[in-house]
Amino acid sequence: MIDRIDNLAGVVPWLLYDFRSPYRLHPVLQQGWNRKGVLGPGGEKKKSWFVLHAYFAER
């Protein structure tokens, strides 16, 4: 999909790691963490990491 966007200069993951955030207050899902990164707080690779890795490996 990214390859079909005209005039696209590049891509970069917005959040690399999950990080602590005082504004993430959901007691079950967030527990004080922003969990949008492609790597978990301990460095474990999430599914999105493998998608990005495969995309950049083609380049």
C-alpha atoms as a PDB file:
ATOM      1  CA  MET A   1       0.000   0.000   0.000  1.00  0.00           C
ATOM      2  CA  ILE A   2       2.767   2.440   0.894  1.00  0.00           C
ATOM      3  CA  ASP A   3       4.435   1.845  -2.469  1.00  0.00           C
ATOM      4  CA  ARG A   4       1.361   3.176  -4.282  1.00  0.00           C
ATOM      5  CA  ILE A   5       1.337   6.602  -2.589  1.00  0.00           C
ATOM      6  CA  ASP A   6       2.666   9.241  -4.982  1.00  0.00           C
ATOM      7  CA  ASN A   7       5.158  11.781  -3.607  1.00  0.00           C
ATOM      8  CA  LEU A   8       5.785   9.842  -0.390  1.00  0.00           C
ATOM      9  CA  ALA A   9       9.316  10.625   0.766  1.00  0.00           C
ATOM     10  CA  GLY A  10       9.625   8.045   3.548  1.00  0.00           C
ATOM     11  CA  VAL A  11       8.066   6.289   6.518  1.00  0.00           C
ATOM     12  CA  VAL A  12       9.029   5.906  10.160  1.00  0.00           C
ATOM     13  CA  PRO A  13       7.319   4.125  13.068  1.00  0.00           C
ATOM     14  CA  TRP A  14       5.711   6.752  15.298  1.00  0.00           C
ATOM     15  CA  LEU A  15       6.347   4.906  18.574  1.00  0.00           C
ATOM     16  CA  LEU A  16       9.116   2.387  18.819  1.00  0.00           C
ATOM     17  CA  TYR A  17       8.699   1.271  22.462  1.00  0.00           C
ATOM     18  CA  ASP A  18       5.793   1.156  24.893  1.00  0.00           C
ATOM     19  CA  PHE A  19       6.363   3.705  27.653  1.00  0.00           C
ATOM     20  CA  ARG A  20       4.955   4.720  31.034  1.00  0.00           C
ATOM     21  CA  SER A  21       2.330   7.455  30.876  1.00  0.00           C
ATOM     22  CA  PRO A  22       0.400   8.953  33.804  1.00  0.00           C
ATOM     23  CA  TYR A  23      -2.529   9.646  31.451  1.00  0.00           C
ATOM     24  CA  ARG A  24      -3.171   5.966  30.600  1.00  0.00           C
ATOM     25  CA  LEU A  25      -5.536   5.089  33.410  1.00  0.00           C
ATOM     26  CA  HIS A  26      -7.484   2.073  32.158  1.00  0.00           C
ATOM     27  CA  PRO A  27      -6.999  -0.438  35.004  1.00  0.00           C
ATOM     28  CA  VAL A  28      -7.094  -3.583  32.823  1.00  0.00           C
ATOM     29  CA  LEU A  29      -5.617  -2.707  29.435  1.00  0.00           C
ATOM     30  CA  GLN A  30      -3.199   0.139  30.056  1.00  0.00           C
ATOM     31  CA  GLN A  31      -2.207   0.178  33.738  1.00  0.00           C
ATOM     32  CA  GLY A  32      -0.184   3.366  33.286  1.00  0.00           C
ATOM     33  CA  TRP A  33       1.419   2.358  29.968  1.00  0.00           C
ATOM     34  CA  ASN A  34       1.092   3.768  26.468  1.00  0.00           C
ATOM     35  CA  ARG A  35       1.044   0.482  24.546  1.00  0.00           C
ATOM     36  CA  LYS A  36       1.163   1.724  20.950  1.00  0.00           C
ATOM     37  CA  GLY A  37       4.835   0.873  20.334  1.00  0.00           C
ATOM     38  CA  VAL A  38       6.075  -1.907  18.074  1.00  0.00           C
ATOM     39  CA  LEU A  39       8.237  -3.198  20.959  1.00  0.00           C
ATOM     40  CA  GLY A  40       7.004  -3.922  24.464  1.00  0.00           C
ATOM     41  CA  PRO A  41       8.557  -2.377  27.569  1.00  0.00           C
ATOM     42  CA  GLY A  42      10.944  -5.315  27.942  1.00  0.00           C
ATOM     43  CA  GLY A  43      11.957  -5.246  24.265  1.00  0.00           C
ATOM     44  CA  GLU A  44       9.642  -8.077  23.184  1.00  0.00           C
ATOM     45  CA  LYS A  45       8.626  -7.816  19.530  1.00  0.00           C
ATOM     46  CA  LYS A  46       4.928  -7.281  18.804  1.00  0.00           C
ATOM     47  CA  LYS A  47       3.158  -8.367  15.618  1.00  0.00           C
ATOM     48  CA  SER A  48       3.530  -4.867  14.160  1.00  0.00           C
ATOM     49  CA  TRP A  49       7.326  -5.122  14.507  1.00  0.00           C
ATOM     50  CA  PHE A  50       7.391  -8.070  12.117  1.00  0.00           C
ATOM     51  CA  VAL A  51       5.285  -6.162   9.566  1.00  0.00           C
ATOM     52  CA  LEU A  52       7.653  -3.175   9.682  1.00  0.00           C
ATOM     53  CA  HIS A  53      10.700  -5.427   9.597  1.00  0.00           C
ATOM     54  CA  ALA A  54       9.456  -7.208   6.481  1.00  0.00           C
ATOM     55  CA  TYR A  55       8.689  -3.874   4.762  1.00  0.00           C
ATOM     56  CA  PHE A  56      12.119  -2.386   5.454  1.00  0.00           C
ATOM     57  CA  ALA A  57      13.880  -5.656   4.606  1.00  0.00           C
ATOM     58  CA  GLU A  58      12.483  -5.359   1.050  1.00  0.00           C
ATOM     59  CA  ARG A  59      14.180  -2.014   0.644  1.00  0.00           C
END
